[in-house]
C-alpha atoms as a PDB file:
ATOM      1  CA  UNK A   1       0.000   0.000   0.000  1.00  0.00           C
ATOM      2  CA  UNK A   2       2.823   2.397   0.808  1.00  0.00           C
ATOM      3  CA  UNK A   3       4.200   1.984  -2.732  1.00  0.00           C
ATOM      4  CA  UNK A   4       0.824   3.056  -4.109  1.00  0.00           C
ATOM      5  CA  UNK A   5       0.833   6.126  -1.855  1.00  0.00           C
ATOM      6  CA  UNK A   6       4.206   7.304  -3.145  1.00  0.00           C
ATOM      7  CA  UNK A   7       3.329   6.486  -6.753  1.00  0.00           C
ATOM      8  CA  UNK A   8       0.175   8.543  -6.385  1.00  0.00           C
ATOM      9  CA  UNK A   9       2.344  11.432  -5.168  1.00  0.00           C
ATOM     10  CA  UNK A  10       4.479  11.164  -8.314  1.00  0.00           C
ATOM     11  CA  UNK A  11       1.363  11.052 -10.485  1.00  0.00           C
ATOM     12  CA  UNK A  12      -0.141  14.056  -8.671  1.00  0.00           C
ATOM     13  CA  UNK A  13       3.100  15.981  -9.204  1.00  0.00           C
ATOM     14  CA  UNK A  14       2.997  15.194 -12.924  1.00  0.00           C
ATOM     15  CA  UNK A  15      -0.605  16.401 -13.238  1.00  0.00           C
ATOM     16  CA  UNK A  16       0.104  19.597 -11.247  1.00  0.00           C
ATOM     17  CA  UNK A  17       3.209  20.247 -13.333  1.00  0.00           C
ATOM     18  CA  UNK A  18       1.226  20.200 -16.580  1.00  0.00           C
ATOM     19  CA  UNK A  19      -1.103  22.825 -15.072  1.00  0.00           C
ATOM     20  CA  UNK A  20       1.989  24.880 -14.110  1.00  0.00           C
ATOM     21  CA  UNK A  21       3.571  24.911 -17.564  1.00  0.00           C
ATOM     22  CA  UNK A  22       5.836  21.883 -17.231  1.00  0.00           C
ATOM     23  CA  UNK A  23       5.966  18.462 -18.803  1.00  0.00           C
ATOM     24  CA  UNK A  24       3.755  15.563 -17.683  1.00  0.00           C
ATOM     25  CA  UNK A  25       6.314  13.898 -15.422  1.00  0.00           C
ATOM     26  CA  UNK A  26       6.816  13.701 -11.654  1.00  0.00           C
ATOM     27  CA  UNK A  27       9.135  11.764  -9.360  1.00  0.00           C
ATOM     28  CA  UNK A  28       9.410  11.052  -5.643  1.00  0.00           C
ATOM     29  CA  UNK A  29      12.449   9.620  -3.825  1.00  0.00           C
ATOM     30  CA  UNK A  30      11.779   7.752  -0.587  1.00  0.00           C
ATOM     31  CA  UNK A  31      13.992   6.197   2.054  1.00  0.00           C
ATOM     32  CA  UNK A  32      12.653   4.191   4.994  1.00  0.00           C
ATOM     33  CA  UNK A  33       9.120   5.360   4.319  1.00  0.00           C
ATOM     34  CA  UNK A  34      10.083   9.061   4.282  1.00  0.00           C
ATOM     35  CA  UNK A  35       9.980  11.334   1.238  1.00  0.00           C
ATOM     36  CA  UNK A  36      13.509  12.632   0.719  1.00  0.00           C
ATOM     37  CA  UNK A  37      12.825  14.729  -2.395  1.00  0.00           C
ATOM     38  CA  UNK A  38      10.503  15.283  -5.316  1.00  0.00           C
ATOM     39  CA  UNK A  39      11.012  16.511  -8.841  1.00  0.00           C
ATOM     40  CA  UNK A  40       9.022  17.508 -11.885  1.00  0.00           C
ATOM     41  CA  UNK A  41       9.871  18.007 -15.531  1.00  0.00           C
ATOM     42  CA  UNK A  42      10.911  21.633 -16.147  1.00  0.00           C
ATOM     43  CA  UNK A  43      12.753  21.177 -19.459  1.00  0.00           C
ATOM     44  CA  UNK A  44      10.931  23.894 -21.382  1.00  0.00           C
ATOM     45  CA  UNK A  45      10.160  26.068 -18.358  1.00  0.00           C
ATOM     46  CA  UNK A  46      13.868  26.236 -17.410  1.00  0.00           C
ATOM     47  CA  UNK A  47      15.359  25.820 -20.894  1.00  0.00           C
ATOM     48  CA  UNK A  48      17.290  22.858 -19.518  1.00  0.00           C
ATOM     49  CA  UNK A  49      17.200  19.554 -21.432  1.00  0.00           C
ATOM     50  CA  UNK A  50      18.389  17.729 -18.297  1.00  0.00           C
ATOM     51  CA  UNK A  51      15.566  19.035 -16.063  1.00  0.00           C
ATOM     52  CA  UNK A  52      13.635  15.771 -16.143  1.00  0.00           C
ATOM     53  CA  UNK A  53      11.616  14.822 -13.058  1.00  0.00           C
ATOM     54  CA  UNK A  54      13.936  11.998 -12.005  1.00  0.00           C
ATOM     55  CA  UNK A  55      17.137  14.017 -12.428  1.00  0.00           C
ATOM     56  CA  UNK A  56      15.604  16.954 -10.560  1.00  0.00           C
ATOM     57  CA  UNK A  57      14.532  14.655  -7.716  1.00  0.00           C
ATOM     58  CA  UNK A  58      17.975  13.013  -7.573  1.00  0.00           C
ATOM     59  CA  UNK A  59      19.694  16.409  -7.392  1.00  0.00           C
ATOM     60  CA  UNK A  60      17.395  17.539  -4.576  1.00  0.00           C
ATOM     61  CA  UNK A  61      17.761  14.248  -2.669  1.00  0.00           C
ATOM     62  CA  UNK A  62      21.543  14.236  -2.891  1.00  0.00           C
ATOM     63  CA  UNK A  63      21.649  17.823  -1.679  1.00  0.00           C
ATOM     64  CA  UNK A  64      19.331  16.993   1.223  1.00  0.00           C
ATOM     65  CA  UNK A  65      21.341  13.981   2.408  1.00  0.00           C
ATOM     66  CA  UNK A  66      24.720  15.587   1.544  1.00  0.00           C
ATOM     67  CA  UNK A  67      25.826  12.563  -0.442  1.00  0.00           C
ATOM     68  CA  UNK A  68      26.096  11.609  -4.122  1.00  0.00           C
ATOM     69  CA  UNK A  69      24.801   8.135  -3.342  1.00  0.00           C
ATOM     70  CA  UNK A  70      21.162   7.307  -2.602  1.00  0.00           C
ATOM     71  CA  UNK A  71      21.586   3.688  -1.565  1.00  0.00           C
ATOM     72  CA  UNK A  72      18.519   2.255   0.103  1.00  0.00           C
ATOM     73  CA  UNK A  73      16.239   4.744  -1.650  1.00  0.00           C
ATOM     74  CA  UNK A  74      13.323   4.025  -3.941  1.00  0.00           C
ATOM     75  CA  UNK A  75      12.247   6.267  -6.799  1.00  0.00           C
ATOM     76  CA  UNK A  76       8.617   6.487  -7.837  1.00  0.00           C
ATOM     77  CA  UNK A  77       8.232   8.093 -11.222  1.00  0.00           C
ATOM     78  CA  UNK A  78       5.092   8.794 -13.193  1.00  0.00           C
ATOM     79  CA  UNK A  79       6.675   7.365 -16.348  1.00  0.00           C
ATOM     80  CA  UNK A  80       9.266   4.761 -17.222  1.00  0.00           C
ATOM     81  CA  UNK A  81      12.639   6.548 -17.043  1.00  0.00           C
ATOM     82  CA  UNK A  82      14.317   7.695 -20.262  1.00  0.00           C
ATOM     83  CA  UNK A  83      17.943   6.641 -20.918  1.00  0.00           C
ATOM     84  CA  UNK A  84      19.377   9.760 -19.217  1.00  0.00           C
ATOM     85  CA  UNK A  85      17.212   9.331 -16.124  1.00  0.00           C
ATOM     86  CA  UNK A  86      17.828   5.599 -15.940  1.00  0.00           C
ATOM     87  CA  UNK A  87      21.579   6.232 -16.051  1.00  0.00           C
ATOM     88  CA  UNK A  88      21.269   8.877 -13.317  1.00  0.00           C
ATOM     89  CA  UNK A  89      19.269   6.436 -11.176  1.00  0.00           C
ATOM     90  CA  UNK A  90      22.013   3.841 -11.550  1.00  0.00           C
ATOM     91  CA  UNK A  91      24.796   6.381 -10.878  1.00  0.00           C
ATOM     92  CA  UNK A  92      22.968   7.506  -7.716  1.00  0.00           C
ATOM     93  CA  UNK A  93      22.760   3.907  -6.491  1.00  0.00           C
ATOM     94  CA  UNK A  94      18.995   3.983  -6.007  1.00  0.00           C
ATOM     95  CA  UNK A  95      17.790   0.549  -4.939  1.00  0.00           C
ATOM     96  CA  UNK A  96      14.331   0.274  -6.529  1.00  0.00           C
ATOM     97  CA  UNK A  97      12.317   1.887  -9.334  1.00  0.00           C
ATOM     98  CA  UNK A  98       8.548   2.049  -9.622  1.00  0.00           C
ATOM     99  CA  UNK A  99       6.965   3.708 -12.658  1.00  0.00           C
ATOM    100  CA  UNK A 100       3.456   4.406 -13.923  1.00  0.00           C
ATOM    101  CA  UNK A 101       3.300   5.150 -17.654  1.00  0.00           C
ATOM    102  CA  UNK A 102       5.371   3.131 -20.111  1.00  0.00           C
ATOM    103  CA  UNK A 103       7.826   4.434 -22.687  1.00  0.00           C
ATOM    104  CA  UNK A 104       5.223   3.526 -25.302  1.00  0.00           C
ATOM    105  CA  UNK A 105       2.623   5.657 -23.489  1.00  0.00           C
ATOM    106  CA  UNK A 106       5.061   8.571 -23.605  1.00  0.00           C
ATOM    107  CA  UNK A 107       5.817   7.954 -27.277  1.00  0.00           C
ATOM    108  CA  UNK A 108       2.082   8.111 -28.015  1.00  0.00           C
ATOM    109  CA  UNK A 109       2.084  11.766 -26.864  1.00  0.00           C
ATOM    110  CA  UNK A 110       5.342  12.619 -28.699  1.00  0.00           C
ATOM    111  CA  UNK A 111       7.798  12.015 -25.829  1.00  0.00           C
ATOM    112  CA  UNK A 112       9.834   9.292 -27.491  1.00  0.00           C
ATOM    113  CA  UNK A 113      13.303   8.254 -26.404  1.00  0.00           C
ATOM    114  CA  UNK A 114      13.506   5.322 -28.812  1.00  0.00           C
ATOM    115  CA  UNK A 115      15.886   7.251 -31.078  1.00  0.00           C
ATOM    116  CA  UNK A 116      18.405   7.504 -28.222  1.00  0.00           C
ATOM    117  CA  UNK A 117      18.340   3.761 -27.599  1.00  0.00           C
ATOM    118  CA  UNK A 118      18.721   3.248 -31.369  1.00  0.00           C
ATOM    119  CA  UNK A 119      21.698   5.641 -31.478  1.00  0.00           C
ATOM    120  CA  UNK A 120      23.445   3.996 -28.516  1.00  0.00           C
ATOM    121  CA  UNK A 121      23.257   0.635 -30.275  1.00  0.00           C
ATOM    122  CA  UNK A 122      25.034   1.992 -33.376  1.00  0.00           C
ATOM    123  CA  UNK A 123      28.806   2.091 -33.836  1.00  0.00           C
ATOM    124  CA  UNK A 124      30.060   5.645 -33.146  1.00  0.00           C
ATOM    125  CA  UNK A 125      30.800   6.279 -36.812  1.00  0.00           C
ATOM    126  CA  UNK A 126      27.180   5.541 -37.775  1.00  0.00           C
ATOM    127  CA  UNK A 127      25.482   7.784 -35.198  1.00  0.00           C
ATOM    128  CA  UNK A 128      23.610  10.886 -36.334  1.00  0.00           C
ATOM    129  CA  UNK A 129      25.903  13.199 -34.325  1.00  0.00           C
ATOM    130  CA  UNK A 130      29.479  12.936 -35.626  1.00  0.00           C
ATOM    131  CA  UNK A 131      31.790  11.675 -32.875  1.00  0.00           C
ATOM    132  CA  UNK A 132      35.577  11.702 -33.165  1.00  0.00           C
ATOM    133  CA  UNK A 133      38.302  11.048 -30.623  1.00  0.00           C
ATOM    134  CA  UNK A 134      41.105  13.655 -30.540  1.00  0.00           C
ATOM    135  CA  UNK A 135      43.992  14.475 -28.172  1.00  0.00           C
ATOM    136  CA  UNK A 136      43.698  11.239 -26.198  1.00  0.00           C
ATOM    137  CA  UNK A 137      47.274  11.328 -24.917  1.00  0.00           C
ATOM    138  CA  UNK A 138      46.743  14.818 -23.469  1.00  0.00           C
ATOM    139  CA  UNK A 139      43.378  13.839 -21.999  1.00  0.00           C
ATOM    140  CA  UNK A 140      44.877  10.796 -20.267  1.00  0.00           C
ATOM    141  CA  UNK A 141      46.818  13.119 -17.923  1.00  0.00           C
ATOM    142  CA  UNK A 142      43.760  13.665 -15.709  1.00  0.00           C
ATOM    143  CA  UNK A 143      43.168   9.907 -15.593  1.00  0.00           C
ATOM    144  CA  UNK A 144      46.784   9.252 -14.569  1.00  0.00           C
ATOM    145  CA  UNK A 145      46.519  11.980 -11.905  1.00  0.00           C
ATOM    146  CA  UNK A 146      43.276  10.435 -10.617  1.00  0.00           C
ATOM    147  CA  UNK A 147      44.773   6.955 -10.550  1.00  0.00           C
ATOM    148  CA  UNK A 148      47.587   8.065  -8.219  1.00  0.00           C
ATOM    149  CA  UNK A 149      45.592  10.550  -6.123  1.00  0.00           C
ATOM    150  CA  UNK A 150      45.638   9.314  -2.545  1.00  0.00           C
ATOM    151  CA  UNK A 151      42.687  11.301  -1.165  1.00  0.00           C
ATOM    152  CA  UNK A 152      40.174  10.617  -3.960  1.00  0.00           C
ATOM    153  CA  UNK A 153      36.550   9.818  -3.247  1.00  0.00           C
ATOM    154  CA  UNK A 154      35.760   6.847  -5.429  1.00  0.00           C
ATOM    155  CA  UNK A 155      32.421   6.292  -7.032  1.00  0.00           C
END
């Protein structure tokens, strides 16, 4: 029952956000039965392509708990996460995901992320955005410095 309560919160946020000029997406992050943070889609309102509900909720949750890891947390999101949000959820170490609408539901209202999955599957040279490696030897300096840094915080 508690899962339904938090999912309903995410759904309510998504509905309210549409009324407030945002996209139809909401997310709630919970730990031990307590809401840690919420987020809504503000991509067009903020002119920020990364301002998806899940990413916004993750940013707020991490700030609240003063940690970049959200282990033991659950995210409730009104729609199946897109590739960016799914990656952010994994990077944050969130333990469980619940979602309402499917990716196909989102695609039916012109919020499709299928093209991103299709692009990821292609070899770099066949992707629609040209991608070329340059200056690798120079770029490796930061990696060498990181590798030998004694006080690094690993993630």
